[in-house]
Amino acid sequence: MPLNRMFWPVAFLSSFLNNTPVVATMIPAIYSWSRKIGISPSKLMIPLSYTAILGGTVTLIGTSTNLIVNGQYQTLTGEPGFSLFSITAVGLPVAIAGFLFMWLFFPKLLPDRTQGQVFSNVREFTLEVSIAPDGPLVGKTIEQAGLRHLLCSVCT
């Protein structure tokens, strides 16, 4: 089960690290792994992001929002604030409930963007080009201008 294998390590990492770098670091690995096991990457990318968010709810340092709330709590009450694991009693059940929701519903809800569909290949992209009004490409089609099958030297 791919969601199970991805959820626990990502949730653990995002409990102690910022969510954005965890997701950014895991995207290439999850993309490669999804191709290896024959699952569309689109079935795993949103769960990856949500898993990092859910993992961040487990500890005080899991997300910057937790730190802001802690700072506001200290300012308003004069109390010393929360400890690292003081929100775990609430955050861990929330993370597990979120995982169960994803496990039950995401396989049916998320799109299956297989090869050949729009955005299925991360190396393909759309390019917009402006040409000079009096330039040599005015009035030519993309094919006539020789722009149809350009190779990307940094992509290969």
N, C-alpha and C. Protein backbone atom coordinates (compact mmCIF):
# COMPACT_ATOMS: atom_id res chain seq x y z
N MET A 1 0.84 -1.19 0.00
CA MET A 1 0.00 0.00 0.00
C MET A 1 0.88 1.25 0.00
N PRO A 2 0.86 2.02 -1.08
CA PRO A 2 1.74 3.18 -1.22
C PRO A 2 1.49 4.28 -0.18
N LEU A 3 0.22 4.58 0.11
CA LEU A 3 -0.04 5.66 1.07
C LEU A 3 0.52 5.32 2.44
N ASN A 4 0.40 4.08 2.84
CA ASN A 4 0.91 3.64 4.14
C ASN A 4 2.43 3.78 4.20
N ARG A 5 3.10 3.35 3.14
CA ARG A 5 4.57 3.43 3.13
C ARG A 5 5.07 4.85 3.07
N MET A 6 4.29 5.76 2.50
CA MET A 6 4.71 7.14 2.40
C MET A 6 4.34 7.94 3.65
N PHE A 7 3.17 7.66 4.23
CA PHE A 7 2.63 8.50 5.30
C PHE A 7 3.53 8.56 6.52
N TRP A 8 3.91 7.42 7.05
CA TRP A 8 4.61 7.40 8.34
C TRP A 8 5.97 8.08 8.31
N PRO A 9 6.83 7.83 7.32
CA PRO A 9 8.11 8.56 7.33
C PRO A 9 7.95 10.06 7.10
N VAL A 10 7.05 10.44 6.19
CA VAL A 10 6.86 11.87 5.91
C VAL A 10 6.24 12.57 7.12
N ALA A 11 5.25 11.94 7.75
CA ALA A 11 4.63 12.53 8.94
C ALA A 11 5.66 12.68 10.05
N PHE A 12 6.51 11.68 10.24
CA PHE A 12 7.54 11.77 11.28
C PHE A 12 8.50 12.91 10.99
N LEU A 13 8.99 13.00 9.75
CA LEU A 13 9.92 14.07 9.40
C LEU A 13 9.29 15.44 9.59
N SER A 14 8.04 15.60 9.14
CA SER A 14 7.42 16.91 9.24
C SER A 14 7.00 17.26 10.67
N SER A 15 7.05 16.29 11.56
CA SER A 15 6.79 16.60 12.97
C SER A 15 7.94 17.42 13.57
N PHE A 16 9.13 17.26 13.00
CA PHE A 16 10.31 17.93 13.56
C PHE A 16 10.99 18.89 12.60
N LEU A 17 10.55 18.91 11.34
CA LEU A 17 11.12 19.80 10.34
C LEU A 17 10.00 20.61 9.69
N ASN A 18 10.36 21.69 9.04
CA ASN A 18 9.39 22.51 8.33
C ASN A 18 8.78 21.69 7.18
N ASN A 19 7.48 21.85 6.96
CA ASN A 19 6.76 21.07 5.96
C ASN A 19 7.27 21.28 4.54
N THR A 20 7.55 22.52 4.17
CA THR A 20 7.93 22.83 2.79
C THR A 20 9.19 22.10 2.36
N PRO A 21 10.29 22.12 3.12
CA PRO A 21 11.46 21.37 2.68
C PRO A 21 11.24 19.86 2.68
N VAL A 22 10.40 19.37 3.59
CA VAL A 22 10.12 17.92 3.59
C VAL A 22 9.43 17.54 2.28
N VAL A 23 8.42 18.30 1.90
CA VAL A 23 7.71 18.01 0.65
C VAL A 23 8.64 18.18 -0.54
N ALA A 24 9.40 19.27 -0.57
CA ALA A 24 10.31 19.52 -1.70
C ALA A 24 11.36 18.42 -1.83
N THR A 25 11.82 17.91 -0.72
CA THR A 25 12.81 16.84 -0.74
C THR A 25 12.21 15.52 -1.19
N MET A 26 10.97 15.29 -0.82
CA MET A 26 10.33 14.01 -1.12
C MET A 26 9.73 13.92 -2.52
N ILE A 27 9.45 15.04 -3.17
CA ILE A 27 8.81 15.00 -4.49
C ILE A 27 9.57 14.14 -5.48
N PRO A 28 10.89 14.34 -5.67
CA PRO A 28 11.58 13.49 -6.66
C PRO A 28 11.55 12.00 -6.28
N ALA A 29 11.70 11.71 -4.99
CA ALA A 29 11.69 10.31 -4.55
C ALA A 29 10.32 9.68 -4.76
N ILE A 30 9.26 10.39 -4.41
CA ILE A 30 7.91 9.87 -4.58
C ILE A 30 7.59 9.73 -6.06
N TYR A 31 8.01 10.68 -6.87
CA TYR A 31 7.77 10.60 -8.31
C TYR A 31 8.45 9.36 -8.90
N SER A 32 9.71 9.16 -8.57
CA SER A 32 10.43 7.98 -9.08
C SER A 32 9.82 6.69 -8.56
N TRP A 33 9.49 6.66 -7.28
CA TRP A 33 8.90 5.47 -6.68
C TRP A 33 7.55 5.14 -7.32
N SER A 34 6.74 6.17 -7.59
CA SER A 34 5.43 5.92 -8.21
C SER A 34 5.57 5.31 -9.59
N ARG A 35 6.55 5.76 -10.34
CA ARG A 35 6.80 5.18 -11.67
C ARG A 35 7.27 3.73 -11.54
N LYS A 36 8.10 3.48 -10.53
CA LYS A 36 8.64 2.13 -10.32
C LYS A 36 7.54 1.13 -9.96
N ILE A 37 6.57 1.57 -9.13
CA ILE A 37 5.52 0.64 -8.70
C ILE A 37 4.28 0.71 -9.58
N GLY A 38 4.32 1.54 -10.62
CA GLY A 38 3.24 1.58 -11.59
C GLY A 38 2.00 2.34 -11.17
N ILE A 39 2.19 3.35 -10.32
CA ILE A 39 1.07 4.20 -9.89
C ILE A 39 1.32 5.60 -10.44
N SER A 40 0.26 6.23 -10.89
CA SER A 40 0.38 7.60 -11.38
C SER A 40 0.86 8.51 -10.25
N PRO A 41 1.85 9.37 -10.52
CA PRO A 41 2.33 10.30 -9.49
C PRO A 41 1.22 11.19 -8.95
N SER A 42 0.21 11.46 -9.76
CA SER A 42 -0.88 12.31 -9.31
C SER A 42 -1.65 11.70 -8.15
N LYS A 43 -1.55 10.40 -7.97
CA LYS A 43 -2.22 9.73 -6.85
C LYS A 43 -1.45 9.88 -5.54
N LEU A 44 -0.21 10.38 -5.61
CA LEU A 44 0.62 10.46 -4.41
C LEU A 44 1.06 11.87 -4.04
N MET A 45 0.99 12.81 -4.95
CA MET A 45 1.52 14.15 -4.67
C MET A 45 0.66 14.93 -3.66
N ILE A 46 -0.64 14.92 -3.81
CA ILE A 46 -1.49 15.62 -2.83
C ILE A 46 -1.42 14.91 -1.47
N PRO A 47 -1.47 13.57 -1.43
CA PRO A 47 -1.27 12.93 -0.13
C PRO A 47 0.08 13.26 0.51
N LEU A 48 1.10 13.45 -0.30
CA LEU A 48 2.40 13.85 0.23
C LEU A 48 2.29 15.19 0.94
N SER A 49 1.67 16.15 0.31
CA SER A 49 1.51 17.48 0.90
C SER A 49 0.66 17.42 2.16
N TYR A 50 -0.47 16.73 2.09
CA TYR A 50 -1.36 16.63 3.25
C TYR A 50 -0.70 15.89 4.40
N THR A 51 0.09 14.89 4.08
CA THR A 51 0.81 14.14 5.12
C THR A 51 1.78 15.04 5.86
N ALA A 52 2.48 15.89 5.12
CA ALA A 52 3.42 16.81 5.77
C ALA A 52 2.66 17.78 6.68
N ILE A 53 1.51 18.24 6.24
CA ILE A 53 0.71 19.15 7.07
C ILE A 53 0.23 18.44 8.33
N LEU A 54 -0.29 17.22 8.15
CA LEU A 54 -0.77 16.46 9.31
C LEU A 54 0.36 16.13 10.28
N GLY A 55 1.51 15.77 9.75
CA GLY A 55 2.66 15.49 10.62
C GLY A 55 3.08 16.71 11.42
N GLY A 56 2.90 17.88 10.83
CA GLY A 56 3.25 19.12 11.53
C GLY A 56 2.38 19.42 12.73
N THR A 57 1.22 18.76 12.81
CA THR A 57 0.33 19.01 13.95
C THR A 57 0.74 18.23 15.19
N VAL A 58 1.73 17.37 15.08
CA VAL A 58 2.08 16.46 16.17
C VAL A 58 2.98 17.10 17.22
N THR A 59 3.83 18.04 16.82
CA THR A 59 4.72 18.68 17.79
C THR A 59 4.63 20.21 17.67
N LEU A 60 5.16 20.87 18.66
CA LEU A 60 5.15 22.33 18.67
C LEU A 60 5.94 22.90 17.50
N ILE A 61 7.05 22.27 17.13
CA ILE A 61 7.89 22.80 16.06
C ILE A 61 7.52 22.25 14.70
N GLY A 62 6.44 21.49 14.60
CA GLY A 62 6.03 20.87 13.34
C GLY A 62 5.65 21.88 12.27
N THR A 63 5.02 22.97 12.65
CA THR A 63 4.67 24.03 11.71
C THR A 63 4.91 25.38 12.36
N SER A 64 5.11 26.36 11.53
CA SER A 64 5.31 27.72 12.06
C SER A 64 4.03 28.23 12.72
N THR A 65 2.88 27.74 12.27
CA THR A 65 1.61 28.14 12.89
C THR A 65 1.59 27.76 14.37
N ASN A 66 2.07 26.58 14.69
CA ASN A 66 2.12 26.15 16.09
C ASN A 66 2.99 27.10 16.91
N LEU A 67 4.10 27.52 16.34
CA LEU A 67 5.00 28.43 17.05
C LEU A 67 4.35 29.81 17.25
N ILE A 68 3.61 30.26 16.25
CA ILE A 68 2.93 31.55 16.37
C ILE A 68 1.86 31.49 17.46
N VAL A 69 1.09 30.41 17.46
CA VAL A 69 0.06 30.25 18.49
C VAL A 69 0.70 30.20 19.87
N ASN A 70 1.82 29.50 19.98
CA ASN A 70 2.53 29.43 21.25
C ASN A 70 2.99 30.82 21.69
N GLY A 71 3.52 31.60 20.77
CA GLY A 71 3.95 32.96 21.09
C GLY A 71 2.79 33.84 21.52
N GLN A 72 1.67 33.72 20.83
CA GLN A 72 0.48 34.48 21.21
C GLN A 72 -0.04 34.05 22.58
N TYR A 73 -0.01 32.77 22.84
CA TYR A 73 -0.44 32.24 24.14
C TYR A 73 0.44 32.83 25.26
N GLN A 74 1.75 32.85 25.03
CA GLN A 74 2.66 33.39 26.03
C GLN A 74 2.40 34.88 26.25
N THR A 75 2.18 35.61 25.17
CA THR A 75 1.94 37.05 25.27
C THR A 75 0.64 37.37 26.01
N LEU A 76 -0.41 36.64 25.67
CA LEU A 76 -1.73 36.93 26.25
C LEU A 76 -1.88 36.45 27.68
N THR A 77 -1.23 35.34 28.04
CA THR A 77 -1.44 34.77 29.37
C THR A 77 -0.29 35.01 30.32
N GLY A 78 0.88 35.29 29.79
CA GLY A 78 2.06 35.44 30.65
C GLY A 78 2.62 34.10 31.10
N GLU A 79 2.04 33.03 30.64
CA GLU A 79 2.50 31.67 30.98
C GLU A 79 3.76 31.34 30.17
N PRO A 80 4.52 30.31 30.59
CA PRO A 80 5.75 29.97 29.88
C PRO A 80 5.55 29.39 28.49
N GLY A 81 4.38 28.92 28.14
CA GLY A 81 4.14 28.37 26.81
C GLY A 81 4.10 26.85 26.82
N PHE A 82 3.98 26.29 25.64
CA PHE A 82 3.83 24.84 25.49
C PHE A 82 5.19 24.17 25.39
N SER A 83 5.22 22.89 25.77
CA SER A 83 6.44 22.11 25.58
C SER A 83 6.40 21.49 24.18
N LEU A 84 7.47 20.85 23.79
CA LEU A 84 7.58 20.26 22.45
C LEU A 84 6.44 19.30 22.14
N PHE A 85 6.07 18.46 23.09
CA PHE A 85 5.07 17.44 22.84
C PHE A 85 3.72 17.73 23.51
N SER A 86 3.50 18.94 23.96
CA SER A 86 2.24 19.23 24.65
C SER A 86 1.03 19.16 23.73
N ILE A 87 1.20 19.33 22.44
CA ILE A 87 0.06 19.24 21.52
C ILE A 87 -0.06 17.86 20.87
N THR A 88 0.82 16.95 21.22
CA THR A 88 0.81 15.62 20.61
C THR A 88 -0.48 14.86 20.93
N ALA A 89 -1.02 15.05 22.10
CA ALA A 89 -2.25 14.35 22.49
C ALA A 89 -3.41 14.70 21.56
N VAL A 90 -3.40 15.87 20.99
CA VAL A 90 -4.43 16.27 20.03
C VAL A 90 -3.94 16.02 18.60
N GLY A 91 -2.70 16.36 18.32
CA GLY A 91 -2.16 16.28 16.97
C GLY A 91 -2.03 14.87 16.42
N LEU A 92 -1.63 13.93 17.25
CA LEU A 92 -1.46 12.56 16.77
C LEU A 92 -2.78 11.92 16.34
N PRO A 93 -3.84 12.02 17.14
CA PRO A 93 -5.13 11.49 16.65
C PRO A 93 -5.63 12.19 15.39
N VAL A 94 -5.38 13.49 15.29
CA VAL A 94 -5.78 14.22 14.08
C VAL A 94 -5.00 13.69 12.88
N ALA A 95 -3.70 13.47 13.04
CA ALA A 95 -2.88 12.94 11.95
C ALA A 95 -3.34 11.55 11.55
N ILE A 96 -3.64 10.71 12.51
CA ILE A 96 -4.10 9.34 12.21
C ILE A 96 -5.47 9.39 11.52
N ALA A 97 -6.38 10.25 11.99
CA ALA A 97 -7.68 10.38 11.34
C ALA A 97 -7.52 10.89 9.90
N GLY A 98 -6.61 11.83 9.71
CA GLY A 98 -6.33 12.32 8.36
C GLY A 98 -5.78 11.24 7.46
N PHE A 99 -4.89 10.42 8.01
CA PHE A 99 -4.36 9.29 7.23
C PHE A 99 -5.47 8.33 6.85
N LEU A 100 -6.34 7.99 7.79
CA LEU A 100 -7.45 7.08 7.48
C LEU A 100 -8.37 7.65 6.40
N PHE A 101 -8.64 8.94 6.49
CA PHE A 101 -9.46 9.58 5.46
C PHE A 101 -8.79 9.47 4.09
N MET A 102 -7.49 9.80 4.04
CA MET A 102 -6.77 9.70 2.77
C MET A 102 -6.75 8.26 2.27
N TRP A 103 -6.52 7.32 3.15
CA TRP A 103 -6.44 5.91 2.77
C TRP A 103 -7.77 5.41 2.21
N LEU A 104 -8.86 5.87 2.79
CA LEU A 104 -10.18 5.41 2.34
C LEU A 104 -10.68 6.13 1.07
N PHE A 105 -10.47 7.44 0.99
CA PHE A 105 -11.11 8.20 -0.06
C PHE A 105 -10.21 8.68 -1.19
N PHE A 106 -8.95 8.95 -0.93
CA PHE A 106 -8.10 9.51 -1.97
C PHE A 106 -7.91 8.60 -3.18
N PRO A 107 -7.77 7.28 -3.00
CA PRO A 107 -7.61 6.46 -4.21
C PRO A 107 -8.76 6.62 -5.21
N LYS A 108 -9.95 6.90 -4.72
CA LYS A 108 -11.11 7.08 -5.60
C LYS A 108 -11.24 8.53 -6.08
N LEU A 109 -10.83 9.48 -5.24
CA LEU A 109 -11.06 10.89 -5.55
C LEU A 109 -9.97 11.53 -6.42
N LEU A 110 -8.74 11.09 -6.25
CA LEU A 110 -7.64 11.74 -6.97
C LEU A 110 -7.58 11.29 -8.42
N PRO A 111 -7.22 12.21 -9.32
CA PRO A 111 -7.16 11.85 -10.74
C PRO A 111 -5.99 10.90 -11.03
N ASP A 112 -6.17 10.12 -12.07
CA ASP A 112 -5.11 9.22 -12.52
C ASP A 112 -4.53 9.80 -13.80
N ARG A 113 -3.52 10.61 -13.64
CA ARG A 113 -2.90 11.26 -14.80
C ARG A 113 -1.78 10.37 -15.33
N THR A 114 -2.16 9.46 -16.17
CA THR A 114 -1.19 8.54 -16.74
C THR A 114 -0.50 9.16 -17.93
N GLN A 115 0.49 8.47 -18.45
CA GLN A 115 1.28 8.96 -19.57
C GLN A 115 0.37 9.34 -20.73
N GLY A 116 0.67 10.45 -21.37
CA GLY A 116 -0.09 10.88 -22.52
C GLY A 116 -1.11 11.94 -22.21
N GLN A 117 -1.42 12.15 -20.94
CA GLN A 117 -2.36 13.19 -20.58
C GLN A 117 -1.61 14.47 -20.26
N VAL A 118 -2.33 15.57 -20.22
CA VAL A 118 -1.72 16.87 -19.93
C VAL A 118 -1.07 16.82 -18.56
N PHE A 119 0.12 17.35 -18.45
CA PHE A 119 0.92 17.43 -17.23
C PHE A 119 1.36 16.07 -16.70
N SER A 120 1.29 15.02 -17.48
CA SER A 120 1.70 13.72 -16.99
C SER A 120 3.22 13.58 -17.00
N ASN A 121 3.90 14.38 -17.81
CA ASN A 121 5.35 14.32 -17.87
C ASN A 121 5.91 15.63 -17.33
N VAL A 122 6.68 15.55 -16.24
CA VAL A 122 7.21 16.78 -15.64
C VAL A 122 8.25 17.46 -16.51
N ARG A 123 8.75 16.76 -17.52
CA ARG A 123 9.72 17.37 -18.43
C ARG A 123 9.05 18.13 -19.57
N GLU A 124 7.75 18.00 -19.72
CA GLU A 124 7.02 18.74 -20.72
C GLU A 124 6.41 19.98 -20.08
N PHE A 125 6.45 21.08 -20.79
CA PHE A 125 5.89 22.30 -20.26
C PHE A 125 5.45 23.19 -21.41
N THR A 126 4.69 24.20 -21.09
CA THR A 126 4.22 25.15 -22.08
C THR A 126 5.13 26.36 -22.05
N LEU A 127 5.42 26.87 -23.22
CA LEU A 127 6.30 28.02 -23.35
C LEU A 127 5.58 29.11 -24.11
N GLU A 128 5.62 30.30 -23.61
CA GLU A 128 5.02 31.44 -24.30
C GLU A 128 6.15 32.33 -24.78
N VAL A 129 6.07 32.71 -26.06
CA VAL A 129 7.12 33.53 -26.65
C VAL A 129 6.48 34.73 -27.32
N SER A 130 7.08 35.88 -27.13
CA SER A 130 6.63 37.09 -27.83
C SER A 130 7.59 37.35 -28.97
N ILE A 131 7.03 37.74 -30.10
CA ILE A 131 7.89 38.06 -31.24
C ILE A 131 7.74 39.54 -31.56
N ALA A 132 8.78 40.08 -32.14
CA ALA A 132 8.76 41.50 -32.51
C ALA A 132 7.77 41.71 -33.65
N PRO A 133 7.00 42.80 -33.60
CA PRO A 133 5.99 43.04 -34.65
C PRO A 133 6.58 43.09 -36.07
N ASP A 134 7.83 43.46 -36.18
CA ASP A 134 8.43 43.55 -37.51
C ASP A 134 9.49 42.45 -37.71
N GLY A 135 9.45 41.40 -36.88
CA GLY A 135 10.45 40.33 -36.94
C GLY A 135 10.20 39.32 -38.04
N PRO A 136 11.17 38.43 -38.26
CA PRO A 136 11.07 37.45 -39.35
C PRO A 136 10.03 36.35 -39.10
N LEU A 137 9.49 36.22 -37.88
CA LEU A 137 8.53 35.16 -37.58
C LEU A 137 7.08 35.60 -37.73
N VAL A 138 6.85 36.85 -37.98
CA VAL A 138 5.48 37.37 -38.12
C VAL A 138 4.80 36.69 -39.29
N GLY A 139 3.59 36.17 -39.02
CA GLY A 139 2.79 35.54 -40.07
C GLY A 139 3.12 34.08 -40.32
N LYS A 140 4.10 33.53 -39.63
CA LYS A 140 4.47 32.13 -39.81
C LYS A 140 3.83 31.27 -38.73
N THR A 141 3.55 30.03 -39.08
CA THR A 141 3.07 29.08 -38.08
C THR A 141 4.26 28.60 -37.26
N ILE A 142 3.98 27.91 -36.18
CA ILE A 142 5.07 27.38 -35.35
C ILE A 142 5.93 26.43 -36.16
N GLU A 143 5.27 25.60 -36.98
CA GLU A 143 6.00 24.65 -37.83
C GLU A 143 6.88 25.39 -38.83
N GLN A 144 6.33 26.40 -39.51
CA GLN A 144 7.09 27.17 -40.51
C GLN A 144 8.28 27.91 -39.88
N ALA A 145 8.12 28.32 -38.64
CA ALA A 145 9.20 29.05 -37.95
C ALA A 145 10.27 28.10 -37.42
N GLY A 146 10.03 26.77 -37.49
CA GLY A 146 11.01 25.80 -37.02
C GLY A 146 11.02 25.66 -35.50
N LEU A 147 9.88 25.93 -34.87
CA LEU A 147 9.81 25.89 -33.41
C LEU A 147 9.05 24.69 -32.88
N ARG A 148 8.57 23.81 -33.73
CA ARG A 148 7.71 22.72 -33.30
C ARG A 148 8.45 21.67 -32.45
N HIS A 149 9.65 21.28 -32.80
CA HIS A 149 10.33 20.18 -32.12
C HIS A 149 11.68 20.62 -31.55
N LEU A 150 11.65 21.68 -30.80
CA LEU A 150 12.88 22.17 -30.17
C LEU A 150 13.32 21.21 -29.08
N LEU A 151 14.60 21.04 -28.94
CA LEU A 151 15.14 20.20 -27.88
C LEU A 151 15.64 21.09 -26.75
N CYS A 152 15.41 20.65 -25.54
CA CYS A 152 15.85 21.39 -24.37
C CYS A 152 17.22 20.84 -23.94
N SER A 153 18.23 21.67 -24.01
CA SER A 153 19.58 21.19 -23.68
C SER A 153 19.76 20.97 -22.19
N VAL A 154 19.00 21.63 -21.31
CA VAL A 154 19.15 21.44 -19.88
C VAL A 154 18.23 20.34 -19.36
N CYS A 155 17.28 19.88 -20.19
CA CYS A 155 16.34 18.86 -19.74
C CYS A 155 16.88 17.45 -19.89
N THR A 156 17.84 17.26 -20.72
CA THR A 156 18.34 15.89 -20.98
C THR A 156 19.60 15.61 -20.24
